[in-house]
Amino acid sequence: MGQSPGTVKISPSLDRRLTSLAPDVPVRAILVLRSNGEPKHKDRRLTREERQAHIQALRSSAQASFPRIDAILERLGGSRLSDQPSALGTITVVTNPAGIFALANIDEVQAILEDQPIERIQ
């Protein structure tokens, strides 16, 4: 299962963990979605309005991939936990290891990160 071409989008440690899990174990993951285009005027700092326009364009572009992602999640027993992409073009999903590997194999997904709790370092 972990030898699929899409695993380049998954860190080696997450790939190892996924291949060692039982097939029905739910996994929360953050999908980094591809977006169309990059901000214009990369040689200068963007204005607030330009940044907001870029974020909206990124969200719209990322949201276009929802039907394909939702179809995979429905077929393999998972769900999308995010109603809309973040300002960075990410969404959170929960699915089984097969679902993670299937998502890694579509063009709309740029990378997959394990959703881990953030703890304060003392």
PDB file of N, CA and C in Angstrom:
ATOM      1  N   MET A   1       0.829  -1.192   0.000  1.00  0.00           N
ATOM      2  CA  MET A   1       0.000   0.000   0.000  1.00  0.00           C
ATOM      3  C   MET A   1       0.866   1.246   0.000  1.00  0.00           C
ATOM      4  N   GLY A   2       1.924   1.313   0.776  1.00  0.00           N
ATOM      5  CA  GLY A   2       2.747   2.501   0.901  1.00  0.00           C
ATOM      6  C   GLY A   2       3.694   2.738  -0.261  1.00  0.00           C
ATOM      7  N   GLN A   3       3.670   1.868  -1.261  1.00  0.00           N
ATOM      8  CA  GLN A   3       4.588   2.010  -2.386  1.00  0.00           C
ATOM      9  C   GLN A   3       3.985   2.762  -3.562  1.00  0.00           C
ATOM     10  N   SER A   4       2.841   3.389  -3.362  1.00  0.00           N
ATOM     11  CA  SER A   4       2.189   4.085  -4.460  1.00  0.00           C
ATOM     12  C   SER A   4       2.965   5.342  -4.838  1.00  0.00           C
ATOM     13  N   PRO A   5       2.829   5.810  -6.097  1.00  0.00           N
ATOM     14  CA  PRO A   5       3.554   7.004  -6.545  1.00  0.00           C
ATOM     15  C   PRO A   5       3.246   8.243  -5.723  1.00  0.00           C
ATOM     16  N   GLY A   6       2.039   8.337  -5.175  1.00  0.00           N
ATOM     17  CA  GLY A   6       1.649   9.507  -4.410  1.00  0.00           C
ATOM     18  C   GLY A   6       2.356   9.650  -3.081  1.00  0.00           C
ATOM     19  N   THR A   7       3.084   8.606  -2.657  1.00  0.00           N
ATOM     20  CA  THR A   7       3.719   8.686  -1.351  1.00  0.00           C
ATOM     21  C   THR A   7       4.829   9.724  -1.291  1.00  0.00           C
ATOM     22  N   VAL A   8       5.261  10.267  -2.424  1.00  0.00           N
ATOM     23  CA  VAL A   8       6.235  11.355  -2.376  1.00  0.00           C
ATOM     24  C   VAL A   8       5.607  12.590  -1.749  1.00  0.00           C
ATOM     25  N   LYS A   9       4.282  12.624  -1.688  1.00  0.00           N
ATOM     26  CA  LYS A   9       3.564  13.733  -1.066  1.00  0.00           C
ATOM     27  C   LYS A   9       3.383  13.523   0.434  1.00  0.00           C
ATOM     28  N   ILE A  10       3.818  12.371   0.913  1.00  0.00           N
ATOM     29  CA  ILE A  10       3.677  11.993   2.322  1.00  0.00           C
ATOM     30  C   ILE A  10       5.075  11.820   2.899  1.00  0.00           C
ATOM     31  N   SER A  11       5.300  12.333   4.101  1.00  0.00           N
ATOM     32  CA  SER A  11       6.614  12.178   4.724  1.00  0.00           C
ATOM     33  C   SER A  11       6.912  10.699   4.956  1.00  0.00           C
ATOM     34  N   PRO A  12       8.190  10.315   4.938  1.00  0.00           N
ATOM     35  CA  PRO A  12       8.541   8.907   5.175  1.00  0.00           C
ATOM     36  C   PRO A  12       8.010   8.385   6.518  1.00  0.00           C
ATOM     37  N   SER A  13       8.029   9.217   7.552  1.00  0.00           N
ATOM     38  CA  SER A  13       7.546   8.751   8.856  1.00  0.00           C
ATOM     39  C   SER A  13       6.035   8.514   8.834  1.00  0.00           C
ATOM     40  N   LEU A  14       5.283   9.393   8.181  1.00  0.00           N
ATOM     41  CA  LEU A  14       3.836   9.176   8.084  1.00  0.00           C
ATOM     42  C   LEU A  14       3.549   7.970   7.197  1.00  0.00           C
ATOM     43  N   ASP A  15       4.293   7.802   6.126  1.00  0.00           N
ATOM     44  CA  ASP A  15       4.123   6.639   5.248  1.00  0.00           C
ATOM     45  C   ASP A  15       4.324   5.344   6.036  1.00  0.00           C
ATOM     46  N   ARG A  16       5.378   5.280   6.841  1.00  0.00           N
ATOM     47  CA  ARG A  16       5.635   4.086   7.665  1.00  0.00           C
ATOM     48  C   ARG A  16       4.485   3.845   8.648  1.00  0.00           C
ATOM     49  N   ARG A  17       4.023   4.930   9.277  1.00  0.00           N
ATOM     50  CA  ARG A  17       2.932   4.793  10.243  1.00  0.00           C
ATOM     51  C   ARG A  17       1.659   4.297   9.561  1.00  0.00           C
ATOM     52  N   LEU A  18       1.346   4.845   8.397  1.00  0.00           N
ATOM     53  CA  LEU A  18       0.136   4.429   7.686  1.00  0.00           C
ATOM     54  C   LEU A  18       0.189   2.964   7.280  1.00  0.00           C
ATOM     55  N   THR A  19       1.342   2.505   6.815  1.00  0.00           N
ATOM     56  CA  THR A  19       1.452   1.108   6.378  1.00  0.00           C
ATOM     57  C   THR A  19       1.409   0.144   7.552  1.00  0.00           C
ATOM     58  N   SER A  20       1.677   0.635   8.771  1.00  0.00           N
ATOM     59  CA  SER A  20       1.631  -0.255   9.944  1.00  0.00           C
ATOM     60  C   SER A  20       0.261  -0.263  10.624  1.00  0.00           C
ATOM     61  N   LEU A  21      -0.632   0.637  10.240  1.00  0.00           N
ATOM     62  CA  LEU A  21      -1.963   0.721  10.858  1.00  0.00           C
ATOM     63  C   LEU A  21      -2.909  -0.321  10.269  1.00  0.00           C
ATOM     64  N   ALA A  22      -3.896  -0.705  11.077  1.00  0.00           N
ATOM     65  CA  ALA A  22      -4.973  -1.559  10.570  1.00  0.00           C
ATOM     66  C   ALA A  22      -5.751  -0.759   9.514  1.00  0.00           C
ATOM     67  N   PRO A  23      -6.338  -1.435   8.536  1.00  0.00           N
ATOM     68  CA  PRO A  23      -7.001  -0.743   7.433  1.00  0.00           C
ATOM     69  C   PRO A  23      -8.168   0.150   7.839  1.00  0.00           C
ATOM     70  N   ASP A  24      -8.774  -0.097   8.994  1.00  0.00           N
ATOM     71  CA  ASP A  24      -9.953   0.675   9.381  1.00  0.00           C
ATOM     72  C   ASP A  24      -9.674   1.762  10.422  1.00  0.00           C
ATOM     73  N   VAL A  25      -8.405   2.007  10.739  1.00  0.00           N
ATOM     74  CA  VAL A  25      -8.052   3.024  11.732  1.00  0.00           C
ATOM     75  C   VAL A  25      -8.198   4.413  11.119  1.00  0.00           C
ATOM     76  N   PRO A  26      -8.977   5.302  11.770  1.00  0.00           N
ATOM     77  CA  PRO A  26      -9.112   6.663  11.226  1.00  0.00           C
ATOM     78  C   PRO A  26      -7.849   7.490  11.464  1.00  0.00           C
ATOM     79  N   VAL A  27      -7.511   8.275  10.456  1.00  0.00           N
ATOM     80  CA  VAL A  27      -6.323   9.133  10.516  1.00  0.00           C
ATOM     81  C   VAL A  27      -6.755  10.553  10.138  1.00  0.00           C
ATOM     82  N   ARG A  28      -6.396  11.522  10.983  1.00  0.00           N
ATOM     83  CA  ARG A  28      -6.638  12.938  10.643  1.00  0.00           C
ATOM     84  C   ARG A  28      -5.427  13.459   9.906  1.00  0.00           C
ATOM     85  N   ALA A  29      -5.679  14.145   8.800  1.00  0.00           N
ATOM     86  CA  ALA A  29      -4.572  14.657   7.996  1.00  0.00           C
ATOM     87  C   ALA A  29      -4.917  16.041   7.461  1.00  0.00           C
ATOM     88  N   ILE A  30      -3.873  16.794   7.190  1.00  0.00           N
ATOM     89  CA  ILE A  30      -4.006  18.115   6.580  1.00  0.00           C
ATOM     90  C   ILE A  30      -3.549  17.980   5.133  1.00  0.00           C
ATOM     91  N   LEU A  31      -4.436  18.336   4.213  1.00  0.00           N
ATOM     92  CA  LEU A  31      -4.088  18.305   2.795  1.00  0.00           C
ATOM     93  C   LEU A  31      -3.678  19.702   2.362  1.00  0.00           C
ATOM     94  N   VAL A  32      -2.527  19.808   1.742  1.00  0.00           N
ATOM     95  CA  VAL A  32      -2.078  21.058   1.133  1.00  0.00           C
ATOM     96  C   VAL A  32      -2.506  20.972  -0.327  1.00  0.00           C
ATOM     97  N   LEU A  33      -3.447  21.838  -0.712  1.00  0.00           N
ATOM     98  CA  LEU A  33      -4.022  21.775  -2.051  1.00  0.00           C
ATOM     99  C   LEU A  33      -3.275  22.682  -3.014  1.00  0.00           C
ATOM    100  N   ARG A  34      -3.214  22.251  -4.262  1.00  0.00           N
ATOM    101  CA  ARG A  34      -2.591  23.070  -5.306  1.00  0.00           C
ATOM    102  C   ARG A  34      -3.478  24.266  -5.596  1.00  0.00           C
ATOM    103  N   SER A  35      -2.852  25.371  -5.935  1.00  0.00           N
ATOM    104  CA  SER A  35      -3.615  26.558  -6.312  1.00  0.00           C
ATOM    105  C   SER A  35      -3.139  27.041  -7.667  1.00  0.00           C
ATOM    106  N   ASN A  36      -3.971  27.794  -8.323  1.00  0.00           N
ATOM    107  CA  ASN A  36      -3.615  28.366  -9.625  1.00  0.00           C
ATOM    108  C   ASN A  36      -2.920  29.695  -9.417  1.00  0.00           C
ATOM    109  N   GLY A  37      -1.722  29.789  -9.897  1.00  0.00           N
ATOM    110  CA  GLY A  37      -1.021  31.069  -9.890  1.00  0.00           C
ATOM    111  C   GLY A  37      -0.345  31.408  -8.579  1.00  0.00           C
ATOM    112  N   GLU A  38       0.502  32.385  -8.675  1.00  0.00           N
ATOM    113  CA  GLU A  38       1.217  32.927  -7.532  1.00  0.00           C
ATOM    114  C   GLU A  38       0.910  34.407  -7.454  1.00  0.00           C
ATOM    115  N   PRO A  39       1.166  35.007  -6.301  1.00  0.00           N
ATOM    116  CA  PRO A  39       0.869  36.437  -6.192  1.00  0.00           C
ATOM    117  C   PRO A  39       1.659  37.239  -7.216  1.00  0.00           C
ATOM    118  N   LYS A  40       0.995  38.238  -7.782  1.00  0.00           N
ATOM    119  CA  LYS A  40       1.684  39.143  -8.702  1.00  0.00           C
ATOM    120  C   LYS A  40       2.525  40.100  -7.868  1.00  0.00           C
ATOM    121  N   HIS A  41       3.429  40.752  -8.489  1.00  0.00           N
ATOM    122  CA  HIS A  41       4.271  41.749  -7.810  1.00  0.00           C
ATOM    123  C   HIS A  41       5.112  41.110  -6.699  1.00  0.00           C
ATOM    124  N   LYS A  42       5.770  40.007  -7.015  1.00  0.00           N
ATOM    125  CA  LYS A  42       6.589  39.322  -6.013  1.00  0.00           C
ATOM    126  C   LYS A  42       7.803  40.155  -5.592  1.00  0.00           C
ATOM    127  N   ASP A  43       8.106  41.207  -6.360  1.00  0.00           N
ATOM    128  CA  ASP A  43       9.273  42.017  -6.061  1.00  0.00           C
ATOM    129  C   ASP A  43       8.988  43.117  -5.034  1.00  0.00           C
ATOM    130  N   ARG A  44       7.729  43.198  -4.578  1.00  0.00           N
ATOM    131  CA  ARG A  44       7.403  44.210  -3.570  1.00  0.00           C
ATOM    132  C   ARG A  44       6.380  43.640  -2.591  1.00  0.00           C
ATOM    133  N   ARG A  45       6.261  44.303  -1.476  1.00  0.00           N
ATOM    134  CA  ARG A  45       5.290  43.889  -0.471  1.00  0.00           C
ATOM    135  C   ARG A  45       3.880  44.206  -0.981  1.00  0.00           C
ATOM    136  N   LEU A  46       2.966  43.237  -0.831  1.00  0.00           N
ATOM    137  CA  LEU A  46       1.597  43.432  -1.283  1.00  0.00           C
ATOM    138  C   LEU A  46       0.831  44.323  -0.317  1.00  0.00           C
ATOM    139  N   THR A  47      -0.122  45.047  -0.855  1.00  0.00           N
ATOM    140  CA  THR A  47      -1.006  45.837   0.003  1.00  0.00           C
ATOM    141  C   THR A  47      -1.986  44.888   0.683  1.00  0.00           C
ATOM    142  N   ARG A  48      -2.671  45.378   1.690  1.00  0.00           N
ATOM    143  CA  ARG A  48      -3.673  44.564   2.386  1.00  0.00           C
ATOM    144  C   ARG A  48      -4.727  44.042   1.401  1.00  0.00           C
ATOM    145  N   GLU A  49      -5.174  44.899   0.516  1.00  0.00           N
ATOM    146  CA  GLU A  49      -6.193  44.510  -0.457  1.00  0.00           C
ATOM    147  C   GLU A  49      -5.662  43.438  -1.411  1.00  0.00           C
ATOM    148  N   GLU A  50      -4.419  43.590  -1.844  1.00  0.00           N
ATOM    149  CA  GLU A  50      -3.813  42.588  -2.732  1.00  0.00           C
ATOM    150  C   GLU A  50      -3.658  41.246  -2.020  1.00  0.00           C
ATOM    151  N   ARG A  51      -3.263  41.290  -0.752  1.00  0.00           N
ATOM    152  CA  ARG A  51      -3.133  40.043   0.025  1.00  0.00           C
ATOM    153  C   ARG A  51      -4.481  39.360   0.170  1.00  0.00           C
ATOM    154  N   GLN A  52      -5.520  40.139   0.495  1.00  0.00           N
ATOM    155  CA  GLN A  52      -6.853  39.571   0.651  1.00  0.00           C
ATOM    156  C   GLN A  52      -7.352  38.979  -0.674  1.00  0.00           C
ATOM    157  N   ALA A  53      -7.088  39.660  -1.774  1.00  0.00           N
ATOM    158  CA  ALA A  53      -7.489  39.162  -3.091  1.00  0.00           C
ATOM    159  C   ALA A  53      -6.752  37.857  -3.411  1.00  0.00           C
ATOM    160  N   HIS A  54      -5.464  37.796  -3.064  1.00  0.00           N
ATOM    161  CA  HIS A  54      -4.689  36.580  -3.298  1.00  0.00           C
ATOM    162  C   HIS A  54      -5.223  35.428  -2.458  1.00  0.00           C
ATOM    163  N   ILE A  55      -5.532  35.688  -1.199  1.00  0.00           N
ATOM    164  CA  ILE A  55      -6.082  34.648  -0.320  1.00  0.00           C
ATOM    165  C   ILE A  55      -7.404  34.142  -0.875  1.00  0.00           C
ATOM    166  N   GLN A  56      -8.261  35.045  -1.324  1.00  0.00           N
ATOM    167  CA  GLN A  56      -9.555  34.644  -1.879  1.00  0.00           C
ATOM    168  C   GLN A  56      -9.362  33.815  -3.144  1.00  0.00           C
ATOM    169  N   ALA A  57      -8.431  34.207  -3.996  1.00  0.00           N
ATOM    170  CA  ALA A  57      -8.163  33.450  -5.225  1.00  0.00           C
ATOM    171  C   ALA A  57      -7.619  32.062  -4.885  1.00  0.00           C
ATOM    172  N   LEU A  58      -6.734  31.988  -3.891  1.00  0.00           N
ATOM    173  CA  LEU A  58      -6.175  30.712  -3.457  1.00  0.00           C
ATOM    174  C   LEU A  58      -7.285  29.816  -2.917  1.00  0.00           C
ATOM    175  N   ARG A  59      -8.167  30.369  -2.089  1.00  0.00           N
ATOM    176  CA  ARG A  59      -9.274  29.586  -1.534  1.00  0.00           C
ATOM    177  C   ARG A  59     -10.206  29.085  -2.641  1.00  0.00           C
ATOM    178  N   SER A  60     -10.520  29.945  -3.579  1.00  0.00           N
ATOM    179  CA  SER A  60     -11.418  29.554  -4.681  1.00  0.00           C
ATOM    180  C   SER A  60     -10.793  28.437  -5.515  1.00  0.00           C
ATOM    181  N   SER A  61      -9.516  28.573  -5.808  1.00  0.00           N
ATOM    182  CA  SER A  61      -8.807  27.572  -6.591  1.00  0.00           C
ATOM    183  C   SER A  61      -8.770  26.237  -5.845  1.00  0.00           C
ATOM    184  N   ALA A  62      -8.462  26.286  -4.557  1.00  0.00           N
ATOM    185  CA  ALA A  62      -8.395  25.064  -3.749  1.00  0.00           C
ATOM    186  C   ALA A  62      -9.777  24.428  -3.603  1.00  0.00           C
ATOM    187  N   GLN A  63     -10.789  25.246  -3.458  1.00  0.00           N
ATOM    188  CA  GLN A  63     -12.148  24.740  -3.268  1.00  0.00           C
ATOM    189  C   GLN A  63     -12.646  23.995  -4.511  1.00  0.00           C
ATOM    190  N   ALA A  64     -12.107  24.305  -5.646  1.00  0.00           N
ATOM    191  CA  ALA A  64     -12.498  23.619  -6.878  1.00  0.00           C
ATOM    192  C   ALA A  64     -12.170  22.128  -6.821  1.00  0.00           C
ATOM    193  N   SER A  65     -11.242  21.733  -5.966  1.00  0.00           N
ATOM    194  CA  SER A  65     -10.868  20.323  -5.848  1.00  0.00           C
ATOM    195  C   SER A  65     -11.774  19.542  -4.893  1.00  0.00           C
ATOM    196  N   PHE A  66     -12.683  20.223  -4.193  1.00  0.00           N
ATOM    197  CA  PHE A  66     -13.542  19.558  -3.210  1.00  0.00           C
ATOM    198  C   PHE A  66     -14.355  18.389  -3.778  1.00  0.00           C
ATOM    199  N   PRO A  67     -14.990  18.516  -4.960  1.00  0.00           N
ATOM    200  CA  PRO A  67     -15.778  17.377  -5.453  1.00  0.00           C
ATOM    201  C   PRO A  67     -14.955  16.096  -5.613  1.00  0.00           C
ATOM    202  N   ARG A  68     -13.753  16.227  -6.135  1.00  0.00           N
ATOM    203  CA  ARG A  68     -12.911  15.030  -6.321  1.00  0.00           C
ATOM    204  C   ARG A  68     -12.449  14.465  -4.976  1.00  0.00           C
ATOM    205  N   ILE A  69     -12.060  15.343  -4.063  1.00  0.00           N
ATOM    206  CA  ILE A  69     -11.636  14.904  -2.727  1.00  0.00           C
ATOM    207  C   ILE A  69     -12.805  14.253  -2.000  1.00  0.00           C
ATOM    208  N   ASP A  70     -13.980  14.889  -2.035  1.00  0.00           N
ATOM    209  CA  ASP A  70     -15.158  14.344  -1.360  1.00  0.00           C
ATOM    210  C   ASP A  70     -15.545  12.981  -1.914  1.00  0.00           C
ATOM    211  N   ALA A  71     -15.418  12.783  -3.223  1.00  0.00           N
ATOM    212  CA  ALA A  71     -15.753  11.494  -3.833  1.00  0.00           C
ATOM    213  C   ALA A  71     -14.828  10.396  -3.313  1.00  0.00           C
ATOM    214  N   ILE A  72     -13.543  10.691  -3.194  1.00  0.00           N
ATOM    215  CA  ILE A  72     -12.587   9.714  -2.664  1.00  0.00           C
ATOM    216  C   ILE A  72     -12.909   9.410  -1.203  1.00  0.00           C
ATOM    217  N   LEU A  73     -13.158  10.454  -0.426  1.00  0.00           N
ATOM    218  CA  LEU A  73     -13.463  10.251   0.987  1.00  0.00           C
ATOM    219  C   LEU A  73     -14.745   9.442   1.169  1.00  0.00           C
ATOM    220  N   GLU A  74     -15.757   9.719   0.369  1.00  0.00           N
ATOM    221  CA  GLU A  74     -17.015   8.980   0.469  1.00  0.00           C
ATOM    222  C   GLU A  74     -16.807   7.514   0.102  1.00  0.00           C
ATOM    223  N   ARG A  75     -16.051   7.273  -0.957  1.00  0.00           N
ATOM    224  CA  ARG A  75     -15.812   5.910  -1.427  1.00  0.00           C
ATOM    225  C   ARG A  75     -15.002   5.090  -0.422  1.00  0.00           C
ATOM    226  N   LEU A  76     -14.061   5.734   0.273  1.00  0.00           N
ATOM    227  CA  LEU A  76     -13.159   4.997   1.148  1.00  0.00           C
ATOM    228  C   LEU A  76     -13.441   5.193   2.644  1.00  0.00           C
ATOM    229  N   GLY A  77     -14.547   5.824   2.957  1.00  0.00           N
ATOM    230  CA  GLY A  77     -14.939   5.926   4.358  1.00  0.00           C
ATOM    231  C   GLY A  77     -14.232   7.031   5.109  1.00  0.00           C
ATOM    232  N   GLY A  78     -14.406   8.232   4.682  1.00  0.00           N
ATOM    233  CA  GLY A  78     -13.800   9.366   5.364  1.00  0.00           C
ATOM    234  C   GLY A  78     -14.669  10.588   5.197  1.00  0.00           C
ATOM    235  N   SER A  79     -14.187  11.714   5.709  1.00  0.00           N
ATOM    236  CA  SER A  79     -14.929  12.962   5.548  1.00  0.00           C
ATOM    237  C   SER A  79     -13.985  14.147   5.605  1.00  0.00           C
ATOM    238  N   ARG A  80     -14.453  15.234   5.014  1.00  0.00           N
ATOM    239  CA  ARG A  80     -13.728  16.495   5.050  1.00  0.00           C
ATOM    240  C   ARG A  80     -14.178  17.237   6.294  1.00  0.00           C
ATOM    241  N   LEU A  81     -13.242  17.700   7.106  1.00  0.00           N
ATOM    242  CA  LEU A  81     -13.559  18.404   8.343  1.00  0.00           C
ATOM    243  C   LEU A  81     -13.551  19.915   8.169  1.00  0.00           C
ATOM    244  N   SER A  82     -13.050  20.401   7.045  1.00  0.00           N
ATOM    245  CA  SER A  82     -12.978  21.837   6.767  1.00  0.00           C
ATOM    246  C   SER A  82     -14.063  22.226   5.766  1.00  0.00           C
ATOM    247  N   ASP A  83     -14.801  23.289   6.082  1.00  0.00           N
ATOM    248  CA  ASP A  83     -15.813  23.783   5.156  1.00  0.00           C
ATOM    249  C   ASP A  83     -15.198  24.540   3.990  1.00  0.00           C
ATOM    250  N   GLN A  84     -14.069  25.198   4.254  1.00  0.00           N
ATOM    251  CA  GLN A  84     -13.375  25.944   3.214  1.00  0.00           C
ATOM    252  C   GLN A  84     -11.872  25.845   3.467  1.00  0.00           C
ATOM    253  N   PRO A  85     -11.072  26.055   2.433  1.00  0.00           N
ATOM    254  CA  PRO A  85      -9.619  26.016   2.614  1.00  0.00           C
ATOM    255  C   PRO A  85      -9.142  27.168   3.503  1.00  0.00           C
ATOM    256  N   SER A  86      -8.055  26.943   4.203  1.00  0.00           N
ATOM    257  CA  SER A  86      -7.429  28.002   4.993  1.00  0.00           C
ATOM    258  C   SER A  86      -6.791  29.019   4.059  1.00  0.00           C
ATOM    259  N   ALA A  87      -6.258  30.086   4.634  1.00  0.00           N
ATOM    260  CA  ALA A  87      -5.563  31.105   3.842  1.00  0.00           C
ATOM    261  C   ALA A  87      -4.318  30.531   3.169  1.00  0.00           C
ATOM    262  N   LEU A  88      -3.859  29.386   3.633  1.00  0.00           N
ATOM    263  CA  LEU A  88      -2.695  28.729   3.034  1.00  0.00           C
ATOM    264  C   LEU A  88      -3.091  27.642   2.041  1.00  0.00           C
ATOM    265  N   GLY A  89      -4.394  27.449   1.841  1.00  0.00           N
ATOM    266  CA  GLY A  89      -4.848  26.436   0.897  1.00  0.00           C
ATOM    267  C   GLY A  89      -4.834  25.034   1.472  1.00  0.00           C
ATOM    268  N   THR A  90      -5.097  24.902   2.771  1.00  0.00           N
ATOM    269  CA  THR A  90      -5.115  23.588   3.410  1.00  0.00           C
ATOM    270  C   THR A  90      -6.519  23.251   3.902  1.00  0.00           C
ATOM    271  N   ILE A  91      -6.793  21.947   3.975  1.00  0.00           N
ATOM    272  CA  ILE A  91      -8.021  21.455   4.593  1.00  0.00           C
ATOM    273  C   ILE A  91      -7.673  20.258   5.467  1.00  0.00           C
ATOM    274  N   THR A  92      -8.548  19.966   6.415  1.00  0.00           N
ATOM    275  CA  THR A  92      -8.362  18.805   7.290  1.00  0.00           C
ATOM    276  C   THR A  92      -9.377  17.744   6.912  1.00  0.00           C
ATOM    277  N   VAL A  93      -8.912  16.501   6.866  1.00  0.00           N
ATOM    278  CA  VAL A  93      -9.776  15.365   6.555  1.00  0.00           C
ATOM    279  C   VAL A  93      -9.537  14.267   7.580  1.00  0.00           C
ATOM    280  N   VAL A  94     -10.472  13.349   7.658  1.00  0.00           N
ATOM    281  CA  VAL A  94     -10.277  12.129   8.438  1.00  0.00           C
ATOM    282  C   VAL A  94     -10.685  10.970   7.538  1.00  0.00           C
ATOM    283  N   THR A  95      -9.819   9.991   7.448  1.00  0.00           N
ATOM    284  CA  THR A  95     -10.065   8.815   6.617  1.00  0.00           C
ATOM    285  C   THR A  95      -9.138   7.697   7.078  1.00  0.00           C
ATOM    286  N   ASN A  96      -9.217   6.575   6.429  1.00  0.00           N
ATOM    287  CA  ASN A  96      -8.346   5.449   6.760  1.00  0.00           C
ATOM    288  C   ASN A  96      -7.056   5.545   5.936  1.00  0.00           C
ATOM    289  N   PRO A  97      -6.084   4.667   6.211  1.00  0.00           N
ATOM    290  CA  PRO A  97      -4.829   4.738   5.443  1.00  0.00           C
ATOM    291  C   PRO A  97      -5.022   4.649   3.929  1.00  0.00           C
ATOM    292  N   ALA A  98      -5.947   3.803   3.465  1.00  0.00           N
ATOM    293  CA  ALA A  98      -6.183   3.696   2.011  1.00  0.00           C
ATOM    294  C   ALA A  98      -6.678   5.029   1.455  1.00  0.00           C
ATOM    295  N   GLY A  99      -7.481   5.737   2.223  1.00  0.00           N
ATOM    296  CA  GLY A  99      -7.973   7.037   1.795  1.00  0.00           C
ATOM    297  C   GLY A  99      -6.854   8.052   1.673  1.00  0.00           C
ATOM    298  N   ILE A 100      -5.916   8.029   2.624  1.00  0.00           N
ATOM    299  CA  ILE A 100      -4.769   8.937   2.574  1.00  0.00           C
ATOM    300  C   ILE A 100      -3.940   8.669   1.324  1.00  0.00           C
ATOM    301  N   PHE A 101      -3.673   7.386   1.040  1.00  0.00           N
ATOM    302  CA  PHE A 101      -2.887   7.058  -0.150  1.00  0.00           C
ATOM    303  C   PHE A 101      -3.619   7.434  -1.435  1.00  0.00           C
ATOM    304  N   ALA A 102      -4.941   7.247  -1.461  1.00  0.00           N
ATOM    305  CA  ALA A 102      -5.716   7.630  -2.652  1.00  0.00           C
ATOM    306  C   ALA A 102      -5.664   9.141  -2.858  1.00  0.00           C
ATOM    307  N   LEU A 103      -5.775   9.909  -1.788  1.00  0.00           N
ATOM    308  CA  LEU A 103      -5.697  11.367  -1.898  1.00  0.00           C
ATOM    309  C   LEU A 103      -4.313  11.817  -2.360  1.00  0.00           C
ATOM    310  N   ALA A 104      -3.284  11.091  -1.936  1.00  0.00           N
ATOM    311  CA  ALA A 104      -1.915  11.438  -2.339  1.00  0.00           C
ATOM    312  C   ALA A 104      -1.696  11.237  -3.841  1.00  0.00           C
ATOM    313  N   ASN A 105      -2.559  10.451  -4.461  1.00  0.00           N
ATOM    314  CA  ASN A 105      -2.389  10.146  -5.880  1.00  0.00           C
ATOM    315  C   ASN A 105      -3.155  11.062  -6.822  1.00  0.00           C
ATOM    316  N   ILE A 106      -3.795  12.107  -6.290  1.00  0.00           N
ATOM    317  CA  ILE A 106      -4.495  13.027  -7.191  1.00  0.00           C
ATOM    318  C   ILE A 106      -3.700  14.326  -7.323  1.00  0.00           C
ATOM    319  N   ASP A 107      -3.789  14.932  -8.487  1.00  0.00           N
ATOM    320  CA  ASP A 107      -3.025  16.141  -8.785  1.00  0.00           C
ATOM    321  C   ASP A 107      -3.380  17.322  -7.889  1.00  0.00           C
ATOM    322  N   GLU A 108      -4.622  17.375  -7.442  1.00  0.00           N
ATOM    323  CA  GLU A 108      -5.085  18.515  -6.649  1.00  0.00           C
ATOM    324  C   GLU A 108      -4.402  18.616  -5.286  1.00  0.00           C
ATOM    325  N   VAL A 109      -3.840  17.509  -4.818  1.00  0.00           N
ATOM    326  CA  VAL A 109      -3.170  17.478  -3.510  1.00  0.00           C
ATOM    327  C   VAL A 109      -1.675  17.624  -3.721  1.00  0.00           C
ATOM    328  N   GLN A 110      -1.110  18.631  -3.084  1.00  0.00           N
ATOM    329  CA  GLN A 110       0.327  18.906  -3.216  1.00  0.00           C
ATOM    330  C   GLN A 110       1.130  18.153  -2.157  1.00  0.00           C
ATOM    331  N   ALA A 111       0.579  18.066  -0.937  1.00  0.00           N
ATOM    332  CA  ALA A 111       1.265  17.373   0.155  1.00  0.00           C
ATOM    333  C   ALA A 111       0.241  16.963   1.200  1.00  0.00           C
ATOM    334  N   ILE A 112       0.613  15.960   2.008  1.00  0.00           N
ATOM    335  CA  ILE A 112      -0.253  15.501   3.099  1.00  0.00           C
ATOM    336  C   ILE A 112       0.573  15.483   4.375  1.00  0.00           C
ATOM    337  N   LEU A 113       0.042  16.160   5.388  1.00  0.00           N
ATOM    338  CA  LEU A 113       0.690  16.237   6.697  1.00  0.00           C
ATOM    339  C   LEU A 113      -0.209  15.582   7.732  1.00  0.00           C
ATOM    340  N   GLU A 114       0.391  14.888   8.671  1.00  0.00           N
ATOM    341  CA  GLU A 114      -0.422  14.328   9.748  1.00  0.00           C
ATOM    342  C   GLU A 114      -0.874  15.462  10.659  1.00  0.00           C
ATOM    343  N   ASP A 115      -2.159  15.464  11.001  1.00  0.00           N
ATOM    344  CA  ASP A 115      -2.693  16.484  11.912  1.00  0.00           C
ATOM    345  C   ASP A 115      -2.339  16.051  13.331  1.00  0.00           C
ATOM    346  N   GLN A 116      -1.384  16.734  13.913  1.00  0.00           N
ATOM    347  CA  GLN A 116      -0.899  16.380  15.248  1.00  0.00           C
ATOM    348  C   GLN A 116      -1.218  17.498  16.232  1.00  0.00           C
ATOM    349  N   PRO A 117      -1.480  17.139  17.474  1.00  0.00           N
ATOM    350  CA  PRO A 117      -1.735  18.174  18.467  1.00  0.00           C
ATOM    351  C   PRO A 117      -0.480  19.018  18.692  1.00  0.00           C
ATOM    352  N   ILE A 118      -0.693  20.298  18.928  1.00  0.00           N
ATOM    353  CA  ILE A 118       0.418  21.198  19.212  1.00  0.00           C
ATOM    354  C   ILE A 118       0.531  21.326  20.712  1.00  0.00           C
ATOM    355  N   GLU A 119       1.709  21.074  21.221  1.00  0.00           N
ATOM    356  CA  GLU A 119       1.930  21.152  22.656  1.00  0.00           C
ATOM    357  C   GLU A 119       2.957  22.216  22.966  1.00  0.00           C
ATOM    358  N   ARG A 120       2.779  22.842  24.065  1.00  0.00           N
ATOM    359  CA  ARG A 120       3.703  23.876  24.504  1.00  0.00           C
ATOM    360  C   ARG A 120       5.009  23.243  24.988  1.00  0.00           C
ATOM    361  N   ILE A 121       6.110  23.811  24.551  1.00  0.00           N
ATOM    362  CA  ILE A 121       7.428  23.333  24.979  1.00  0.00           C
ATOM    363  C   ILE A 121       7.800  24.059  26.248  1.00  0.00           C
ATOM    364  N   GLN A 122       8.149  23.319  27.249  1.00  0.00           N
ATOM    365  CA  GLN A 122       8.495  23.929  28.544  1.00  0.00           C
ATOM    366  C   GLN A 122       9.979  24.027  28.723  1.00  0.00           C
TER     367      GLN A 122
END
